Structure formats: C-alpha cells, structure tokens
N, C-alpha and C. Protein backbone atom coordinates (compact mmCIF):
# COMPACT_ATOMS: atom_id res chain seq x y z
N MET A 1 57.31 -24.45 -47.14
CA MET A 1 56.51 -24.16 -48.14
C MET A 1 55.18 -22.96 -47.28
N MET A 2 55.41 -22.07 -48.50
CA MET A 2 54.06 -21.01 -48.07
C MET A 2 52.79 -21.46 -48.15
N GLN A 3 52.22 -21.45 -47.22
CA GLN A 3 50.44 -21.33 -47.28
C GLN A 3 49.63 -20.22 -47.31
N HIS A 4 48.77 -20.02 -48.19
CA HIS A 4 47.77 -18.94 -48.05
C HIS A 4 46.40 -19.17 -48.76
N GLU A 5 45.77 -18.38 -47.49
CA GLU A 5 44.38 -18.66 -48.06
C GLU A 5 43.79 -18.09 -49.54
N VAL A 6 43.30 -18.83 -49.91
CA VAL A 6 42.64 -18.48 -51.36
C VAL A 6 41.10 -18.32 -51.02
N ASP A 7 40.85 -16.70 -51.48
CA ASP A 7 39.42 -16.63 -51.57
C ASP A 7 38.73 -16.94 -52.91
N LYS A 8 39.59 -17.23 -54.14
CA LYS A 8 38.84 -17.58 -55.41
C LYS A 8 39.59 -18.07 -56.15
N MET A 9 39.43 -18.71 -57.22
CA MET A 9 40.06 -19.70 -58.32
C MET A 9 39.58 -19.38 -59.64
N ASP A 10 40.16 -19.12 -60.53
CA ASP A 10 39.57 -18.81 -61.87
C ASP A 10 40.69 -19.94 -62.66
N VAL A 11 39.78 -20.55 -63.46
CA VAL A 11 40.59 -21.55 -64.47
C VAL A 11 39.94 -21.43 -65.80
N SER A 12 40.72 -20.85 -66.56
CA SER A 12 40.34 -20.52 -68.02
C SER A 12 41.00 -20.93 -69.05
N LEU A 13 40.36 -20.86 -69.99
CA LEU A 13 40.82 -21.54 -71.40
C LEU A 13 41.72 -20.61 -72.30
N ILE A 14 42.75 -20.93 -72.85
CA ILE A 14 43.46 -19.71 -73.63
C ILE A 14 43.72 -20.24 -74.73
N SER A 15 43.55 -19.84 -75.76
CA SER A 15 44.22 -20.09 -76.96
C SER A 15 45.17 -19.19 -77.87
N GLY A 16 46.11 -19.78 -77.90
CA GLY A 16 47.34 -18.82 -78.22
C GLY A 16 47.45 -18.48 -79.86
N ASP A 17 48.16 -17.39 -80.49
CA ASP A 17 48.34 -17.21 -81.64
C ASP A 17 48.79 -18.75 -82.64
N ASP A 18 49.79 -19.38 -81.97
CA ASP A 18 49.80 -20.44 -82.63
C ASP A 18 49.12 -21.62 -82.60
N GLY A 19 47.85 -21.56 -82.41
CA GLY A 19 46.95 -22.30 -82.09
C GLY A 19 46.71 -23.12 -81.14
N GLN A 20 47.62 -23.16 -80.07
CA GLN A 20 47.81 -24.21 -78.83
C GLN A 20 47.00 -23.87 -77.94
N ASP A 21 46.23 -24.85 -77.11
CA ASP A 21 45.45 -24.32 -76.46
C ASP A 21 46.15 -24.78 -74.97
N ARG A 22 45.53 -23.52 -73.94
CA ARG A 22 46.50 -23.57 -72.60
C ARG A 22 45.18 -23.63 -71.58
N ILE A 23 45.38 -23.96 -70.56
CA ILE A 23 44.80 -23.81 -69.19
C ILE A 23 45.37 -22.56 -68.07
N SER A 24 44.85 -21.78 -67.72
CA SER A 24 45.26 -20.59 -67.35
C SER A 24 44.91 -20.89 -65.58
N ILE A 25 45.29 -20.75 -64.77
CA ILE A 25 45.08 -21.01 -63.43
C ILE A 25 45.24 -19.97 -62.37
N LYS A 26 44.29 -19.06 -62.23
CA LYS A 26 44.68 -17.62 -61.69
C LYS A 26 43.85 -17.79 -59.93
N LEU A 27 44.87 -17.79 -59.37
CA LEU A 27 43.99 -17.47 -57.58
C LEU A 27 44.47 -15.96 -57.18
N VAL A 28 43.08 -15.45 -56.37
CA VAL A 28 42.89 -14.60 -55.46
C VAL A 28 42.86 -15.20 -54.26
N GLY A 29 44.17 -14.30 -53.54
CA GLY A 29 44.04 -14.42 -51.94
C GLY A 29 43.49 -13.08 -51.23
N ALA A 30 43.89 -13.39 -50.11
CA ALA A 30 43.85 -12.23 -49.37
C ALA A 30 44.95 -11.41 -49.06
N LEU A 31 46.17 -11.94 -49.02
CA LEU A 31 47.51 -11.51 -49.13
C LEU A 31 48.40 -10.75 -50.28
N ALA A 32 48.24 -11.61 -51.20
CA ALA A 32 48.80 -11.34 -52.66
C ALA A 32 48.17 -10.81 -53.66
N GLY A 33 46.64 -10.29 -53.70
CA GLY A 33 45.90 -10.18 -54.41
C GLY A 33 45.61 -10.85 -55.38
N GLU A 34 45.55 -10.71 -56.94
CA GLU A 34 45.85 -11.71 -57.67
C GLU A 34 47.15 -12.10 -58.12
N SER A 35 46.87 -13.37 -58.56
CA SER A 35 48.27 -14.02 -59.44
C SER A 35 47.90 -15.04 -59.88
N ASP A 36 48.83 -15.20 -61.38
CA ASP A 36 48.62 -16.41 -62.37
C ASP A 36 49.40 -17.20 -62.05
N ILE A 37 48.83 -18.33 -61.05
CA ILE A 37 49.88 -19.35 -61.10
C ILE A 37 50.49 -20.24 -61.72
N CYS A 38 49.55 -20.61 -63.00
CA CYS A 38 50.56 -21.42 -64.17
C CYS A 38 49.68 -21.01 -65.08
N SER A 39 50.32 -21.58 -66.56
CA SER A 39 49.68 -22.13 -67.56
C SER A 39 50.32 -23.49 -68.07
N LEU A 40 49.15 -24.17 -68.30
CA LEU A 40 49.43 -25.36 -68.22
C LEU A 40 48.93 -25.90 -70.01
N THR A 41 49.55 -27.18 -70.54
CA THR A 41 49.08 -27.69 -71.77
C THR A 41 47.83 -28.58 -71.35
N PRO A 42 47.09 -28.87 -72.22
CA PRO A 42 45.73 -29.86 -71.86
C PRO A 42 46.33 -31.02 -71.00
N SER A 43 47.31 -31.39 -71.67
CA SER A 43 47.65 -32.85 -70.94
C SER A 43 48.14 -32.65 -69.66
N GLN A 44 48.87 -31.71 -69.80
CA GLN A 44 49.72 -31.21 -68.17
C GLN A 44 48.21 -31.31 -67.21
N ALA A 45 47.39 -30.27 -67.62
CA ALA A 45 46.11 -30.02 -66.77
C ALA A 45 45.30 -31.39 -65.98
N ARG A 46 45.21 -31.84 -67.32
CA ARG A 46 44.57 -33.52 -66.90
C ARG A 46 45.29 -34.32 -65.79
N VAL A 47 46.77 -34.08 -66.17
CA VAL A 47 47.51 -34.88 -64.90
C VAL A 47 47.37 -33.97 -63.19
N LEU A 48 47.27 -32.91 -63.51
CA LEU A 48 46.88 -32.15 -62.06
C LEU A 48 45.55 -32.27 -61.42
N ALA A 49 44.56 -32.24 -62.61
CA ALA A 49 43.24 -32.95 -62.18
C ALA A 49 43.46 -34.14 -61.33
N THR A 50 43.99 -35.04 -62.35
CA THR A 50 44.11 -36.73 -61.57
C THR A 50 44.32 -36.65 -60.10
N GLU A 51 45.43 -36.06 -60.17
CA GLU A 51 46.51 -36.02 -58.86
C GLU A 51 45.62 -35.08 -57.71
N LEU A 52 45.29 -34.28 -58.21
CA LEU A 52 44.02 -33.51 -57.36
C LEU A 52 43.09 -34.45 -56.58
N ILE A 53 42.39 -35.10 -57.47
CA ILE A 53 40.96 -35.72 -57.09
C ILE A 53 41.60 -36.88 -56.38
N ALA A 54 42.87 -37.42 -56.52
CA ALA A 54 43.52 -38.73 -55.81
C ALA A 54 43.62 -38.14 -54.20
N ALA A 55 44.17 -37.11 -54.40
CA ALA A 55 44.17 -36.07 -53.01
C ALA A 55 43.36 -36.15 -51.96
N VAL A 56 42.60 -35.50 -52.87
CA VAL A 56 41.12 -34.89 -51.98
C VAL A 56 40.41 -36.20 -51.50
N ASN A 57 40.64 -37.29 -52.56
CA ASN A 57 39.64 -38.74 -51.79
C ASN A 57 40.51 -39.10 -51.03
N ARG A 58 41.74 -39.44 -50.66
CA ARG A 58 43.11 -39.68 -49.75
C ARG A 58 42.45 -38.75 -48.48
N ALA A 59 42.50 -38.04 -48.37
CA ALA A 59 41.83 -36.88 -47.42
C ALA A 59 40.86 -37.12 -46.63
N GLU A 60 39.74 -37.44 -47.91
CA GLU A 60 38.64 -37.64 -47.26
C GLU A 60 38.08 -38.92 -46.42
N VAL A 61 38.70 -39.55 -47.03
CA VAL A 61 38.82 -41.33 -46.41
C VAL A 61 39.58 -40.83 -45.01
N LYS A 62 40.40 -40.27 -44.85
CA LYS A 62 41.18 -40.13 -43.61
C LYS A 62 40.44 -39.56 -42.43
N HIS A 63 39.86 -38.41 -43.09
CA HIS A 63 39.03 -37.81 -42.15
C HIS A 63 37.69 -38.57 -41.81
N SER A 64 37.11 -39.32 -42.50
CA SER A 64 35.89 -40.17 -42.32
C SER A 64 36.40 -41.18 -41.19
N LEU A 65 37.74 -41.80 -41.47
CA LEU A 65 38.14 -42.89 -40.36
C LEU A 65 38.54 -42.16 -38.74
N LYS A 66 38.77 -40.98 -39.19
CA LYS A 66 39.39 -40.56 -37.82
C LYS A 66 37.58 -39.96 -37.08
N THR A 67 36.87 -39.54 -37.93
CA THR A 67 35.86 -39.08 -37.35
C THR A 67 34.08 -39.82 -37.12
N SER A 68 34.37 -41.54 -37.81
CA SER A 68 33.36 -42.14 -37.89
C SER A 68 33.15 -43.32 -36.72
N PRO A 69 32.15 -42.65 -36.00
CA PRO A 69 32.32 -43.78 -34.70
C PRO A 69 31.94 -45.35 -34.99
N ASN A 70 31.18 -45.52 -36.04
CA ASN A 70 30.82 -46.90 -36.29
C ASN A 70 32.45 -47.72 -36.77
N LEU A 71 33.44 -46.90 -37.00
CA LEU A 71 34.69 -47.54 -37.66
C LEU A 71 35.74 -47.88 -36.52
N TRP A 72 35.17 -47.16 -35.23
CA TRP A 72 36.39 -47.48 -33.98
C TRP A 72 36.06 -48.62 -33.60
N ARG A 73 36.99 -49.26 -33.20
CA ARG A 73 37.22 -50.49 -32.38
C ARG A 73 37.01 -49.80 -31.03
N ARG A 74 36.29 -50.69 -30.22
CA ARG A 74 36.07 -50.10 -28.41
C ARG A 74 37.10 -50.84 -28.05
N GLN A 75 37.85 -50.12 -27.12
CA GLN A 75 39.08 -50.41 -26.16
C GLN A 75 38.58 -51.42 -25.36
N GLY A 76 39.45 -52.70 -25.42
CA GLY A 76 39.07 -54.22 -24.70
C GLY A 76 37.78 -54.80 -25.55
N GLU A 77 37.59 -54.43 -26.69
CA GLU A 77 36.54 -55.57 -27.06
C GLU A 77 37.44 -56.45 -28.01
N ALA A 78 37.27 -57.84 -27.51
CA ALA A 78 37.67 -58.92 -27.56
C ALA A 78 37.28 -60.10 -28.35
N ARG A 79 35.95 -59.79 -28.67
CA ARG A 79 34.87 -61.25 -29.29
C ARG A 79 35.52 -61.13 -30.68
N LEU A 80 35.34 -62.20 -31.28
CA LEU A 80 35.97 -62.56 -32.73
C LEU A 80 34.66 -61.89 -33.44
N ARG A 81 35.13 -61.30 -34.61
CA ARG A 81 33.93 -60.79 -35.48
C ARG A 81 33.65 -61.85 -36.30
N LEU A 82 34.77 -62.90 -37.10
CA LEU A 82 34.46 -64.04 -37.86
C LEU A 82 34.15 -65.16 -37.18
N ALA A 83 33.21 -66.34 -37.54
CA ALA A 83 33.12 -67.47 -36.98
C ALA A 83 34.23 -68.45 -37.26
N THR A 84 34.69 -69.30 -36.71
CA THR A 84 35.69 -70.05 -36.54
C THR A 84 35.49 -71.45 -36.91
N ALA A 85 35.99 -72.05 -37.19
CA ALA A 85 35.84 -73.52 -37.71
C ALA A 85 36.58 -74.18 -36.53
N LYS A 86 35.44 -75.51 -36.05
CA LYS A 86 36.24 -76.31 -35.07
C LYS A 86 36.82 -77.67 -35.66
C-alpha cells in the first residue's frame, strides 16, 4: 500500500443529470497533484464517514494510553487497588 502526504482535501456535493446526488472527494498531494479519489452515493459517504470516525477514535485512545503517565502502572507496584473482604 502506497502512502502519500495530503496537502488539501476537497469534499463536494455533485448533482447529476439524472437527479442523483453524489459526494466527490478530491485530494491534493505533493507528489501527484490533484486527483479525484472517488465519487460516492450519500449512503456510501455516510458509511465511510462512520468508519473514519471510529478509526480516529481508536487511534486517539491508543495514543492517549501510550502517553498518559496517569494510566501507567508503576513497575513493581503490588498494592491492591480495591478493598478485599475478610
């Protein structure tokens, strides 16, 4: 899979001659210039948006778990965090 840096993204609504609306996504990158990546129906665009939001949320949670010192367990820490019944 090739990865390219994206400088700008343009998302626009296109109304076709047949009355069907499409969502067009254009990317502008340093290497390739401008390229039309895809044209989606509104329902396809909604699925893509939902999947993108879910992936971004997973990445942000993963990043915050790696960098937050409050969530790290100190090495050798053996004390119990919950009370135990005797």
